[in-house]
Amino acid sequence: MQHHQGRLIDHVHLRVSDIEASRRFYRAVLKAVGRDFTSESPEHFACDELWVDKAEGSTSRVHLAFQAKNRESVHAFHAAALSAGGRDNGGPGERSYHPGYYAAFAFDPDGHNIEAVFHGPSERSAESVVVRRGQA
C-alpha cells in the first residue's frame, strides 16, 4: 500500500492573537520534528507551506498535522508543545486511524489542534519538492 503525502495542501494560513506566543510554540514544535522557520519578520513566520501572522479580527480553529520522522520525534513534539505554552490534547501513542499511525496532539496558544504523526517506516522518493517557475 502506498501512502501519498504533501500533494494536497498548497498552504495553511493561521491568524493568531499573540504572534510572539505562537512564534515560541511553533519554533519549539517544528524543531522537534526536524524543521525550522523558512521565513520570519516581526509580523509573521513561516515554515514551508505554513504561514502564520497576527489576526486583525478573530482567529479560527484549525487541525494541522506535521509529519514526524519517527516515534521519538512524536514524543519530542509533545514535550516541546507543552513546554512552549501548548495544552495537551492527546499524548504520544498509536491511534486506530490505520495500522502504524503514531501521533500526539496539543492545542497551540490560540486553541488550534496541532498534531505530529509518524505513519510507520517508509522510503520517500524525495526529501522535498523543488518548484521552478516555468514560462506560461
N, C-alpha and C. Protein backbone atom coordinates (compact mmCIF):
# COMPACT_ATOMS: atom_id res chain seq x y z
N MET A 1 0.84 -1.18 0.00
CA MET A 1 0.00 0.00 0.00
C MET A 1 0.88 1.25 0.00
N GLN A 2 0.58 2.17 -0.87
CA GLN A 2 1.31 3.44 -0.91
C GLN A 2 0.51 4.48 -0.15
N HIS A 3 1.23 5.37 0.51
CA HIS A 3 0.59 6.48 1.23
C HIS A 3 1.21 7.77 0.72
N HIS A 4 0.44 8.57 0.05
CA HIS A 4 0.96 9.80 -0.54
C HIS A 4 0.86 10.94 0.45
N GLN A 5 1.92 11.71 0.57
CA GLN A 5 1.98 12.86 1.46
C GLN A 5 2.37 14.11 0.70
N GLY A 6 1.85 15.24 1.13
CA GLY A 6 2.34 16.51 0.64
C GLY A 6 1.86 16.92 -0.74
N ARG A 7 0.77 16.34 -1.24
CA ARG A 7 0.33 16.71 -2.57
C ARG A 7 -1.00 17.46 -2.55
N LEU A 8 -1.66 17.54 -1.42
CA LEU A 8 -2.97 18.18 -1.36
C LEU A 8 -2.88 19.63 -0.94
N ILE A 9 -2.09 19.94 0.07
CA ILE A 9 -2.10 21.27 0.66
C ILE A 9 -1.12 22.19 -0.05
N ASP A 10 -1.60 23.34 -0.50
CA ASP A 10 -0.74 24.37 -1.05
C ASP A 10 -0.14 25.19 0.08
N HIS A 11 -0.99 25.63 1.00
CA HIS A 11 -0.50 26.32 2.19
C HIS A 11 -1.59 26.33 3.26
N VAL A 12 -1.16 26.52 4.49
CA VAL A 12 -2.06 26.71 5.62
C VAL A 12 -1.71 28.06 6.21
N HIS A 13 -2.71 28.91 6.37
CA HIS A 13 -2.51 30.26 6.90
C HIS A 13 -3.26 30.36 8.22
N LEU A 14 -2.52 30.56 9.30
CA LEU A 14 -3.12 30.75 10.61
C LEU A 14 -3.02 32.21 11.00
N ARG A 15 -4.11 32.77 11.45
CA ARG A 15 -4.13 34.13 12.00
C ARG A 15 -4.28 33.97 13.51
N VAL A 16 -3.28 34.46 14.25
CA VAL A 16 -3.19 34.21 15.68
C VAL A 16 -3.36 35.49 16.49
N SER A 17 -3.75 35.35 17.75
CA SER A 17 -3.99 36.51 18.60
C SER A 17 -2.70 37.09 19.17
N ASP A 18 -1.70 36.26 19.43
CA ASP A 18 -0.44 36.70 20.02
C ASP A 18 0.71 36.11 19.19
N ILE A 19 1.28 36.91 18.32
CA ILE A 19 2.30 36.41 17.39
C ILE A 19 3.53 35.89 18.13
N GLU A 20 3.94 36.53 19.22
CA GLU A 20 5.14 36.08 19.93
C GLU A 20 4.90 34.76 20.66
N ALA A 21 3.75 34.57 21.27
CA ALA A 21 3.43 33.29 21.92
C ALA A 21 3.39 32.18 20.87
N SER A 22 2.79 32.47 19.72
CA SER A 22 2.73 31.48 18.64
C SER A 22 4.11 31.20 18.06
N ARG A 23 4.93 32.24 17.94
CA ARG A 23 6.29 32.06 17.43
C ARG A 23 7.07 31.10 18.33
N ARG A 24 6.98 31.29 19.66
CA ARG A 24 7.66 30.38 20.61
C ARG A 24 7.16 28.96 20.45
N PHE A 25 5.82 28.79 20.40
CA PHE A 25 5.21 27.46 20.29
C PHE A 25 5.64 26.76 19.00
N TYR A 26 5.48 27.42 17.86
CA TYR A 26 5.78 26.77 16.58
C TYR A 26 7.28 26.56 16.38
N ARG A 27 8.12 27.47 16.86
CA ARG A 27 9.57 27.25 16.75
C ARG A 27 9.94 25.97 17.50
N ALA A 28 9.38 25.78 18.69
CA ALA A 28 9.68 24.60 19.51
C ALA A 28 9.16 23.31 18.88
N VAL A 29 7.90 23.29 18.46
CA VAL A 29 7.34 22.03 17.93
C VAL A 29 7.91 21.70 16.55
N LEU A 30 8.20 22.70 15.74
CA LEU A 30 8.81 22.42 14.44
C LEU A 30 10.23 21.89 14.61
N LYS A 31 10.98 22.43 15.55
CA LYS A 31 12.32 21.92 15.81
C LYS A 31 12.25 20.45 16.23
N ALA A 32 11.23 20.10 17.02
CA ALA A 32 11.09 18.72 17.49
C ALA A 32 10.86 17.74 16.34
N VAL A 33 10.26 18.19 15.24
CA VAL A 33 10.04 17.32 14.08
C VAL A 33 11.05 17.61 12.97
N GLY A 34 12.16 18.29 13.32
CA GLY A 34 13.26 18.47 12.38
C GLY A 34 13.10 19.61 11.39
N ARG A 35 12.30 20.60 11.71
CA ARG A 35 12.07 21.74 10.81
C ARG A 35 12.41 23.05 11.50
N ASP A 36 12.54 24.10 10.70
CA ASP A 36 12.78 25.44 11.22
C ASP A 36 12.00 26.42 10.35
N PHE A 37 11.90 27.63 10.81
CA PHE A 37 11.22 28.64 10.01
C PHE A 37 11.95 28.84 8.69
N THR A 38 11.21 29.04 7.62
CA THR A 38 11.81 29.35 6.32
C THR A 38 11.72 30.83 6.02
N SER A 39 10.92 31.54 6.81
CA SER A 39 10.76 32.98 6.66
C SER A 39 10.22 33.53 7.96
N GLU A 40 10.69 34.73 8.35
CA GLU A 40 10.09 35.37 9.52
C GLU A 40 10.40 36.84 9.54
N SER A 41 9.48 37.59 10.13
CA SER A 41 9.62 39.03 10.33
C SER A 41 8.88 39.34 11.63
N PRO A 42 8.89 40.58 12.09
CA PRO A 42 8.11 40.90 13.29
C PRO A 42 6.61 40.62 13.11
N GLU A 43 6.11 40.62 11.88
CA GLU A 43 4.68 40.46 11.62
C GLU A 43 4.26 39.03 11.28
N HIS A 44 5.22 38.13 10.98
CA HIS A 44 4.85 36.79 10.53
C HIS A 44 5.98 35.80 10.80
N PHE A 45 5.69 34.52 10.58
CA PHE A 45 6.71 33.48 10.43
C PHE A 45 6.11 32.40 9.55
N ALA A 46 6.98 31.62 8.93
CA ALA A 46 6.52 30.58 8.01
C ALA A 46 7.48 29.40 8.07
N CYS A 47 6.96 28.24 7.71
CA CYS A 47 7.75 27.03 7.54
C CYS A 47 7.12 26.26 6.39
N ASP A 48 7.81 26.21 5.27
CA ASP A 48 7.28 25.55 4.08
C ASP A 48 5.88 26.07 3.77
N GLU A 49 4.87 25.22 3.83
CA GLU A 49 3.50 25.61 3.47
C GLU A 49 2.72 26.29 4.60
N LEU A 50 3.31 26.40 5.76
CA LEU A 50 2.64 27.03 6.91
C LEU A 50 3.01 28.51 6.99
N TRP A 51 1.99 29.38 7.02
CA TRP A 51 2.18 30.83 7.15
C TRP A 51 1.36 31.29 8.35
N VAL A 52 1.98 32.03 9.26
CA VAL A 52 1.32 32.49 10.48
C VAL A 52 1.53 33.98 10.63
N ASP A 53 0.43 34.72 10.87
CA ASP A 53 0.53 36.14 11.17
C ASP A 53 -0.51 36.53 12.20
N LYS A 54 -0.45 37.78 12.65
CA LYS A 54 -1.36 38.24 13.69
C LYS A 54 -2.73 38.55 13.11
N ALA A 55 -3.76 38.08 13.81
CA ALA A 55 -5.13 38.33 13.38
C ALA A 55 -5.48 39.78 13.63
N GLU A 56 -6.09 40.40 12.66
CA GLU A 56 -6.61 41.75 12.84
C GLU A 56 -8.03 41.69 13.42
N GLY A 57 -8.67 40.56 13.25
CA GLY A 57 -10.01 40.33 13.80
C GLY A 57 -9.97 39.05 14.62
N SER A 58 -10.87 38.15 14.33
CA SER A 58 -10.94 36.91 15.10
C SER A 58 -10.05 35.83 14.51
N THR A 59 -9.66 34.89 15.36
CA THR A 59 -8.91 33.73 14.91
C THR A 59 -9.91 32.63 14.56
N SER A 60 -9.45 31.59 13.89
CA SER A 60 -10.30 30.44 13.57
C SER A 60 -9.61 29.18 14.06
N ARG A 61 -10.35 28.11 14.22
CA ARG A 61 -9.78 26.85 14.69
C ARG A 61 -9.42 25.95 13.52
N VAL A 62 -8.22 25.37 13.61
CA VAL A 62 -7.68 24.55 12.54
C VAL A 62 -7.08 23.29 13.15
N HIS A 63 -7.13 22.18 12.43
CA HIS A 63 -6.36 20.98 12.77
C HIS A 63 -5.21 20.93 11.77
N LEU A 64 -4.00 20.89 12.29
CA LEU A 64 -2.80 20.90 11.46
C LEU A 64 -1.90 19.76 11.90
N ALA A 65 -1.52 18.87 10.98
CA ALA A 65 -0.66 17.73 11.31
C ALA A 65 0.69 17.87 10.63
N PHE A 66 1.75 17.74 11.43
CA PHE A 66 3.12 17.74 10.93
C PHE A 66 3.59 16.30 10.79
N GLN A 67 4.34 16.01 9.74
CA GLN A 67 4.93 14.69 9.57
C GLN A 67 6.14 14.56 10.49
N ALA A 68 6.20 13.46 11.23
CA ALA A 68 7.35 13.17 12.08
C ALA A 68 8.15 12.03 11.46
N LYS A 69 9.45 12.05 11.65
CA LYS A 69 10.32 11.03 11.04
C LYS A 69 10.32 9.71 11.79
N ASN A 70 9.91 9.74 13.06
CA ASN A 70 9.90 8.53 13.87
C ASN A 70 9.08 8.78 15.14
N ARG A 71 8.92 7.74 15.95
CA ARG A 71 8.14 7.87 17.18
C ARG A 71 8.81 8.81 18.17
N GLU A 72 10.12 8.82 18.19
CA GLU A 72 10.84 9.72 19.09
C GLU A 72 10.52 11.18 18.78
N SER A 73 10.37 11.50 17.51
CA SER A 73 10.01 12.87 17.12
C SER A 73 8.61 13.23 17.59
N VAL A 74 7.70 12.25 17.59
CA VAL A 74 6.35 12.49 18.11
C VAL A 74 6.43 12.84 19.60
N HIS A 75 7.23 12.09 20.34
CA HIS A 75 7.41 12.38 21.78
C HIS A 75 8.05 13.75 21.98
N ALA A 76 9.07 14.06 21.18
CA ALA A 76 9.75 15.36 21.30
C ALA A 76 8.78 16.50 20.98
N PHE A 77 7.95 16.31 19.96
CA PHE A 77 6.92 17.31 19.61
C PHE A 77 6.01 17.58 20.80
N HIS A 78 5.48 16.52 21.41
CA HIS A 78 4.52 16.67 22.50
C HIS A 78 5.16 17.39 23.69
N ALA A 79 6.38 16.99 24.05
CA ALA A 79 7.07 17.65 25.15
C ALA A 79 7.35 19.11 24.83
N ALA A 80 7.79 19.39 23.60
CA ALA A 80 8.07 20.78 23.19
C ALA A 80 6.80 21.61 23.21
N ALA A 81 5.70 21.04 22.74
CA ALA A 81 4.43 21.77 22.70
C ALA A 81 4.01 22.18 24.10
N LEU A 82 4.08 21.26 25.04
CA LEU A 82 3.65 21.56 26.41
C LEU A 82 4.59 22.55 27.09
N SER A 83 5.88 22.45 26.83
CA SER A 83 6.82 23.38 27.47
C SER A 83 6.83 24.75 26.81
N ALA A 84 6.26 24.86 25.59
CA ALA A 84 6.24 26.15 24.87
C ALA A 84 4.87 26.81 24.91
N GLY A 85 4.05 26.45 25.88
CA GLY A 85 2.76 27.14 26.04
C GLY A 85 1.57 26.43 25.47
N GLY A 86 1.74 25.24 24.92
CA GLY A 86 0.61 24.47 24.40
C GLY A 86 -0.10 23.71 25.50
N ARG A 87 -1.28 23.22 25.19
CA ARG A 87 -2.07 22.40 26.13
C ARG A 87 -2.25 21.01 25.53
N ASP A 88 -2.17 20.01 26.38
CA ASP A 88 -2.28 18.62 25.94
C ASP A 88 -3.65 18.35 25.32
N ASN A 89 -3.63 17.63 24.20
CA ASN A 89 -4.87 17.17 23.57
C ASN A 89 -4.74 15.70 23.15
N GLY A 90 -3.82 14.98 23.77
CA GLY A 90 -3.62 13.56 23.48
C GLY A 90 -2.15 13.24 23.38
N GLY A 91 -1.63 12.53 24.36
CA GLY A 91 -0.22 12.20 24.40
C GLY A 91 0.20 11.22 23.32
N PRO A 92 1.50 11.02 23.17
CA PRO A 92 2.01 10.11 22.15
C PRO A 92 1.46 8.70 22.30
N GLY A 93 1.07 8.12 21.17
CA GLY A 93 0.58 6.75 21.18
C GLY A 93 0.00 6.36 19.84
N GLU A 94 -0.27 5.05 19.72
CA GLU A 94 -0.90 4.55 18.49
C GLU A 94 -2.36 4.98 18.45
N ARG A 95 -2.82 5.25 17.24
CA ARG A 95 -4.22 5.61 17.02
C ARG A 95 -4.82 4.57 16.08
N SER A 96 -6.13 4.51 16.06
CA SER A 96 -6.81 3.49 15.27
C SER A 96 -7.09 3.93 13.83
N TYR A 97 -6.56 5.06 13.39
CA TYR A 97 -6.84 5.59 12.06
C TYR A 97 -6.38 4.63 10.96
N HIS A 98 -5.19 4.06 11.11
CA HIS A 98 -4.69 2.99 10.25
C HIS A 98 -3.53 2.32 10.98
N PRO A 99 -3.18 1.09 10.63
CA PRO A 99 -2.07 0.42 11.30
C PRO A 99 -0.78 1.24 11.20
N GLY A 100 -0.10 1.40 12.33
CA GLY A 100 1.15 2.14 12.35
C GLY A 100 1.01 3.63 12.60
N TYR A 101 -0.22 4.15 12.74
CA TYR A 101 -0.43 5.58 12.95
C TYR A 101 -0.07 5.91 14.39
N TYR A 102 1.00 6.68 14.58
CA TYR A 102 1.51 7.02 15.91
C TYR A 102 1.56 8.54 15.99
N ALA A 103 0.83 9.11 16.95
CA ALA A 103 0.68 10.56 16.95
C ALA A 103 0.54 11.11 18.36
N ALA A 104 0.70 12.43 18.45
CA ALA A 104 0.43 13.20 19.65
C ALA A 104 -0.24 14.50 19.23
N PHE A 105 -1.03 15.05 20.13
CA PHE A 105 -1.81 16.25 19.83
C PHE A 105 -1.63 17.29 20.94
N ALA A 106 -1.64 18.56 20.54
CA ALA A 106 -1.60 19.66 21.50
C ALA A 106 -2.36 20.84 20.92
N PHE A 107 -2.94 21.64 21.79
CA PHE A 107 -3.55 22.89 21.36
C PHE A 107 -2.48 23.98 21.41
N ASP A 108 -2.38 24.78 20.35
CA ASP A 108 -1.45 25.90 20.35
C ASP A 108 -2.05 27.04 21.19
N PRO A 109 -1.35 28.18 21.33
CA PRO A 109 -1.87 29.25 22.18
C PRO A 109 -3.25 29.78 21.80
N ASP A 110 -3.67 29.61 20.55
CA ASP A 110 -5.00 30.06 20.13
C ASP A 110 -6.03 28.95 20.08
N GLY A 111 -5.66 27.74 20.48
CA GLY A 111 -6.61 26.63 20.50
C GLY A 111 -6.65 25.80 19.23
N HIS A 112 -5.72 26.04 18.29
CA HIS A 112 -5.63 25.20 17.09
C HIS A 112 -5.13 23.82 17.51
N ASN A 113 -5.71 22.76 16.96
CA ASN A 113 -5.31 21.39 17.28
C ASN A 113 -4.13 21.01 16.41
N ILE A 114 -2.94 20.90 17.01
CA ILE A 114 -1.71 20.63 16.29
C ILE A 114 -1.27 19.20 16.59
N GLU A 115 -0.88 18.48 15.56
CA GLU A 115 -0.54 17.07 15.67
C GLU A 115 0.82 16.81 15.05
N ALA A 116 1.53 15.84 15.62
CA ALA A 116 2.70 15.26 14.95
C ALA A 116 2.37 13.80 14.74
N VAL A 117 2.59 13.29 13.52
CA VAL A 117 2.23 11.91 13.20
C VAL A 117 3.36 11.20 12.48
N PHE A 118 3.60 9.96 12.89
CA PHE A 118 4.53 9.06 12.23
C PHE A 118 3.69 7.91 11.71
N HIS A 119 3.74 7.68 10.41
CA HIS A 119 2.91 6.65 9.77
C HIS A 119 3.58 5.29 9.72
N GLY A 120 4.76 5.17 10.30
CA GLY A 120 5.50 3.93 10.25
C GLY A 120 6.66 4.04 9.28
N PRO A 121 7.55 3.06 9.32
CA PRO A 121 8.72 3.10 8.44
C PRO A 121 8.31 3.21 6.97
N SER A 122 9.03 4.05 6.25
CA SER A 122 8.74 4.24 4.83
C SER A 122 9.98 4.74 4.12
N GLU A 123 9.94 4.67 2.83
CA GLU A 123 11.00 5.21 2.00
C GLU A 123 10.39 6.31 1.14
N ARG A 124 10.98 7.48 1.17
CA ARG A 124 10.48 8.61 0.39
C ARG A 124 11.22 8.71 -0.93
N SER A 125 10.50 9.06 -1.97
CA SER A 125 11.14 9.23 -3.27
C SER A 125 11.98 10.50 -3.31
N ALA A 126 11.66 11.47 -2.43
CA ALA A 126 12.42 12.71 -2.34
C ALA A 126 12.19 13.32 -0.97
N GLU A 127 13.19 13.99 -0.43
CA GLU A 127 13.05 14.67 0.86
C GLU A 127 12.18 15.91 0.74
N SER A 128 12.27 16.57 -0.41
CA SER A 128 11.44 17.76 -0.65
C SER A 128 11.19 17.89 -2.15
N VAL A 129 10.31 18.78 -2.48
CA VAL A 129 9.97 19.03 -3.87
C VAL A 129 10.52 20.39 -4.26
N VAL A 130 11.17 20.47 -5.41
CA VAL A 130 11.69 21.72 -5.93
C VAL A 130 10.73 22.21 -7.01
N VAL A 131 10.23 23.42 -6.84
CA VAL A 131 9.31 24.00 -7.82
C VAL A 131 10.04 25.13 -8.53
N ARG A 132 10.10 25.05 -9.84
CA ARG A 132 10.73 26.11 -10.64
C ARG A 132 9.65 26.78 -11.48
N ARG A 133 9.72 28.08 -11.53
CA ARG A 133 8.77 28.81 -12.36
C ARG A 133 9.02 28.52 -13.84
N GLY A 134 7.96 28.20 -14.53
CA GLY A 134 8.06 27.95 -15.96
C GLY A 134 7.53 29.12 -16.75
N GLN A 135 7.59 29.00 -18.03
CA GLN A 135 7.04 30.06 -18.89
C GLN A 135 5.61 29.71 -19.20
N ALA A 136 4.75 30.71 -19.16
CA ALA A 136 3.33 30.49 -19.43
C ALA A 136 3.06 30.34 -20.90
